[in-house]
Amino acid sequence: MLQDARTIRYYQRLTDALVEQWNRGYRFDELRLYLDGYLAALRHADAIEPYLINRLEEEVIRYLYDPSNFEIPQPESEPDYR
C-alpha cells in the first residue's frame, strides 16, 4: 500500500492514463511500454526516492493486470413496469 502523498498522486495519474489509453484502443504490451517509460522518467528526474518508485511499479503492475480495471461498465436495464 502506498502511503507517500506524492507517490499516490503519481499512481493516480498513471492509472488514469492507462485506462484512458486502453479506451483509445491501446493494449497491454503498449500500456506496459508506457509504464516503463513513465517509471524511467521518474528515476531520471529523481522525482521520488528509488524505493518509492519500486513500490509504485509493483502497485501499478498489480493494477494493470487486474482485468476488472479495464472493463466498461454496462448500464443496468430498466425493469418493465406495465
N, C-alpha and C. Protein backbone atom coordinates (compact mmCIF):
# COMPACT_ATOMS: atom_id res chain seq x y z
N MET A 1 0.85 -1.18 0.00
CA MET A 1 0.00 0.00 0.00
C MET A 1 0.89 1.24 0.00
N LEU A 2 0.57 2.16 -0.86
CA LEU A 2 1.32 3.41 -0.94
C LEU A 2 0.86 4.36 0.15
N GLN A 3 1.82 5.05 0.76
CA GLN A 3 1.46 5.97 1.83
C GLN A 3 2.01 7.37 1.62
N ASP A 4 3.01 7.52 0.76
CA ASP A 4 3.58 8.83 0.49
C ASP A 4 2.65 9.60 -0.45
N ALA A 5 2.34 10.84 -0.10
CA ALA A 5 1.35 11.62 -0.87
C ALA A 5 1.78 11.83 -2.31
N ARG A 6 3.02 12.13 -2.55
CA ARG A 6 3.49 12.36 -3.93
C ARG A 6 3.42 11.06 -4.74
N THR A 7 3.79 9.96 -4.13
CA THR A 7 3.72 8.67 -4.82
C THR A 7 2.29 8.31 -5.16
N ILE A 8 1.37 8.59 -4.25
CA ILE A 8 -0.05 8.33 -4.51
C ILE A 8 -0.54 9.16 -5.68
N ARG A 9 -0.11 10.41 -5.76
CA ARG A 9 -0.51 11.25 -6.90
C ARG A 9 0.02 10.69 -8.21
N TYR A 10 1.28 10.22 -8.22
CA TYR A 10 1.83 9.60 -9.43
C TYR A 10 1.03 8.34 -9.78
N TYR A 11 0.64 7.57 -8.79
CA TYR A 11 -0.15 6.36 -9.02
C TYR A 11 -1.49 6.73 -9.67
N GLN A 12 -2.15 7.74 -9.14
CA GLN A 12 -3.44 8.14 -9.68
C GLN A 12 -3.30 8.64 -11.12
N ARG A 13 -2.30 9.47 -11.37
CA ARG A 13 -2.08 9.96 -12.74
C ARG A 13 -1.79 8.82 -13.69
N LEU A 14 -0.95 7.92 -13.26
CA LEU A 14 -0.54 6.81 -14.12
C LEU A 14 -1.69 5.86 -14.41
N THR A 15 -2.45 5.48 -13.40
CA THR A 15 -3.56 4.57 -13.63
C THR A 15 -4.66 5.23 -14.46
N ASP A 16 -4.91 6.52 -14.25
CA ASP A 16 -5.88 7.23 -15.09
C ASP A 16 -5.43 7.24 -16.55
N ALA A 17 -4.14 7.47 -16.77
CA ALA A 17 -3.60 7.48 -18.13
C ALA A 17 -3.70 6.10 -18.77
N LEU A 18 -3.46 5.05 -18.00
CA LEU A 18 -3.55 3.70 -18.55
C LEU A 18 -4.97 3.37 -18.98
N VAL A 19 -5.95 3.74 -18.17
CA VAL A 19 -7.35 3.48 -18.53
C VAL A 19 -7.73 4.31 -19.75
N GLU A 20 -7.29 5.55 -19.80
CA GLU A 20 -7.61 6.39 -20.96
C GLU A 20 -7.01 5.80 -22.23
N GLN A 21 -5.77 5.34 -22.15
CA GLN A 21 -5.15 4.75 -23.34
C GLN A 21 -5.82 3.43 -23.72
N TRP A 22 -6.24 2.66 -22.73
CA TRP A 22 -6.99 1.43 -23.02
C TRP A 22 -8.26 1.75 -23.80
N ASN A 23 -8.96 2.78 -23.36
CA ASN A 23 -10.20 3.17 -24.04
C ASN A 23 -9.95 3.70 -25.43
N ARG A 24 -8.76 4.17 -25.71
CA ARG A 24 -8.38 4.64 -27.05
C ARG A 24 -7.96 3.50 -27.97
N GLY A 25 -7.83 2.28 -27.42
CA GLY A 25 -7.51 1.14 -28.26
C GLY A 25 -6.13 0.54 -28.03
N TYR A 26 -5.33 1.11 -27.15
CA TYR A 26 -4.03 0.54 -26.84
C TYR A 26 -4.23 -0.73 -26.03
N ARG A 27 -3.31 -1.67 -26.13
CA ARG A 27 -3.43 -2.93 -25.41
C ARG A 27 -2.26 -3.12 -24.45
N PHE A 28 -2.23 -4.26 -23.76
CA PHE A 28 -1.34 -4.46 -22.63
C PHE A 28 0.14 -4.24 -22.96
N ASP A 29 0.59 -4.72 -24.10
CA ASP A 29 2.00 -4.52 -24.45
C ASP A 29 2.34 -3.04 -24.54
N GLU A 30 1.46 -2.28 -25.15
CA GLU A 30 1.69 -0.84 -25.30
C GLU A 30 1.56 -0.12 -23.96
N LEU A 31 0.62 -0.55 -23.13
CA LEU A 31 0.47 0.04 -21.81
C LEU A 31 1.70 -0.24 -20.95
N ARG A 32 2.25 -1.42 -21.08
CA ARG A 32 3.45 -1.77 -20.32
C ARG A 32 4.63 -0.91 -20.77
N LEU A 33 4.74 -0.64 -22.07
CA LEU A 33 5.79 0.25 -22.56
C LEU A 33 5.62 1.66 -22.01
N TYR A 34 4.38 2.14 -21.95
CA TYR A 34 4.09 3.45 -21.38
C TYR A 34 4.52 3.48 -19.91
N LEU A 35 4.16 2.44 -19.17
CA LEU A 35 4.52 2.35 -17.76
C LEU A 35 6.04 2.36 -17.59
N ASP A 36 6.74 1.59 -18.39
CA ASP A 36 8.20 1.55 -18.30
C ASP A 36 8.81 2.91 -18.57
N GLY A 37 8.30 3.62 -19.56
CA GLY A 37 8.81 4.95 -19.87
C GLY A 37 8.51 5.94 -18.76
N TYR A 38 7.34 5.86 -18.18
CA TYR A 38 6.95 6.76 -17.09
C TYR A 38 7.86 6.55 -15.88
N LEU A 39 8.10 5.29 -15.55
CA LEU A 39 8.96 4.99 -14.41
C LEU A 39 10.40 5.40 -14.68
N ALA A 40 10.85 5.22 -15.91
CA ALA A 40 12.21 5.64 -16.26
C ALA A 40 12.35 7.16 -16.13
N ALA A 41 11.32 7.89 -16.51
CA ALA A 41 11.35 9.34 -16.38
C ALA A 41 11.40 9.76 -14.90
N LEU A 42 10.63 9.07 -14.06
CA LEU A 42 10.66 9.36 -12.63
C LEU A 42 12.05 9.09 -12.05
N ARG A 43 12.67 7.99 -12.48
CA ARG A 43 14.01 7.67 -11.99
C ARG A 43 15.02 8.71 -12.46
N HIS A 44 14.93 9.09 -13.71
CA HIS A 44 15.87 10.04 -14.29
C HIS A 44 15.75 11.42 -13.64
N ALA A 45 14.53 11.81 -13.32
CA ALA A 45 14.29 13.14 -12.75
C ALA A 45 14.49 13.16 -11.23
N ASP A 46 14.73 12.01 -10.63
CA ASP A 46 14.82 11.92 -9.16
C ASP A 46 13.60 12.56 -8.51
N ALA A 47 12.44 12.28 -9.07
CA ALA A 47 11.19 12.88 -8.60
C ALA A 47 10.83 12.37 -7.20
N ILE A 48 11.04 11.08 -6.96
CA ILE A 48 10.80 10.49 -5.65
C ILE A 48 11.92 9.49 -5.39
N GLU A 49 12.01 9.02 -4.18
CA GLU A 49 13.06 8.08 -3.79
C GLU A 49 12.95 6.78 -4.60
N PRO A 50 14.08 6.16 -4.92
CA PRO A 50 14.05 4.92 -5.71
C PRO A 50 13.18 3.81 -5.10
N TYR A 51 13.19 3.66 -3.79
CA TYR A 51 12.37 2.60 -3.20
C TYR A 51 10.88 2.90 -3.38
N LEU A 52 10.51 4.18 -3.42
CA LEU A 52 9.11 4.55 -3.67
C LEU A 52 8.72 4.27 -5.12
N ILE A 53 9.66 4.46 -6.02
CA ILE A 53 9.40 4.14 -7.43
C ILE A 53 9.18 2.64 -7.58
N ASN A 54 9.96 1.84 -6.86
CA ASN A 54 9.77 0.38 -6.92
C ASN A 54 8.41 -0.02 -6.38
N ARG A 55 7.99 0.59 -5.28
CA ARG A 55 6.66 0.31 -4.73
C ARG A 55 5.57 0.74 -5.70
N LEU A 56 5.76 1.92 -6.31
CA LEU A 56 4.81 2.42 -7.31
C LEU A 56 4.70 1.43 -8.46
N GLU A 57 5.83 0.94 -8.93
CA GLU A 57 5.83 -0.03 -10.03
C GLU A 57 5.06 -1.29 -9.65
N GLU A 58 5.29 -1.80 -8.46
CA GLU A 58 4.57 -3.00 -8.02
C GLU A 58 3.06 -2.78 -8.01
N GLU A 59 2.65 -1.64 -7.47
CA GLU A 59 1.21 -1.36 -7.36
C GLU A 59 0.58 -1.15 -8.74
N VAL A 60 1.27 -0.45 -9.63
CA VAL A 60 0.69 -0.19 -10.95
C VAL A 60 0.65 -1.47 -11.78
N ILE A 61 1.65 -2.33 -11.64
CA ILE A 61 1.62 -3.60 -12.35
C ILE A 61 0.44 -4.44 -11.86
N ARG A 62 0.22 -4.44 -10.56
CA ARG A 62 -0.94 -5.14 -10.00
C ARG A 62 -2.23 -4.58 -10.60
N TYR A 63 -2.31 -3.25 -10.70
CA TYR A 63 -3.48 -2.59 -11.28
C TYR A 63 -3.63 -2.97 -12.75
N LEU A 64 -2.52 -2.96 -13.47
CA LEU A 64 -2.53 -3.22 -14.91
C LEU A 64 -3.03 -4.62 -15.23
N TYR A 65 -2.66 -5.60 -14.43
CA TYR A 65 -3.03 -6.98 -14.72
C TYR A 65 -4.32 -7.42 -14.06
N ASP A 66 -5.05 -6.50 -13.47
CA ASP A 66 -6.38 -6.80 -12.94
C ASP A 66 -7.40 -6.42 -14.02
N PRO A 67 -8.01 -7.39 -14.69
CA PRO A 67 -8.89 -7.08 -15.81
C PRO A 67 -10.11 -6.25 -15.44
N SER A 68 -10.50 -6.28 -14.19
CA SER A 68 -11.69 -5.51 -13.80
C SER A 68 -11.46 -4.01 -13.90
N ASN A 69 -10.22 -3.57 -13.94
CA ASN A 69 -9.93 -2.14 -14.05
C ASN A 69 -10.14 -1.60 -15.46
N PHE A 70 -10.28 -2.50 -16.43
CA PHE A 70 -10.41 -2.07 -17.81
C PHE A 70 -11.73 -2.49 -18.45
N GLU A 71 -12.67 -2.94 -17.64
CA GLU A 71 -13.98 -3.29 -18.16
C GLU A 71 -14.84 -2.05 -18.28
N ILE A 72 -15.63 -2.01 -19.31
CA ILE A 72 -16.56 -0.91 -19.50
C ILE A 72 -17.85 -1.27 -18.77
N PRO A 73 -18.27 -0.45 -17.83
CA PRO A 73 -19.50 -0.79 -17.10
C PRO A 73 -20.71 -0.82 -18.02
N GLN A 74 -21.51 -1.85 -17.85
CA GLN A 74 -22.72 -1.99 -18.65
C GLN A 74 -23.88 -1.32 -17.91
N PRO A 75 -24.65 -0.53 -18.61
CA PRO A 75 -25.79 0.10 -17.95
C PRO A 75 -26.82 -0.94 -17.51
N GLU A 76 -27.42 -0.70 -16.38
CA GLU A 76 -28.44 -1.62 -15.91
C GLU A 76 -29.72 -1.38 -16.70
N SER A 77 -30.38 -2.47 -17.03
CA SER A 77 -31.62 -2.33 -17.81
C SER A 77 -32.74 -1.91 -16.87
N GLU A 78 -33.63 -1.13 -17.40
CA GLU A 78 -34.78 -0.66 -16.63
C GLU A 78 -35.83 -1.78 -16.59
N PRO A 79 -36.36 -2.06 -15.42
CA PRO A 79 -37.44 -3.06 -15.36
C PRO A 79 -38.68 -2.55 -16.08
N ASP A 80 -39.37 -3.46 -16.72
CA ASP A 80 -40.56 -3.09 -17.47
C ASP A 80 -41.79 -3.17 -16.55
N TYR A 81 -42.31 -2.01 -16.15
CA TYR A 81 -43.48 -1.93 -15.26
C TYR A 81 -44.72 -1.59 -16.07
N ARG A 82 -45.37 -2.57 -16.59
CA ARG A 82 -46.60 -2.29 -17.37
C ARG A 82 -47.79 -2.74 -16.64
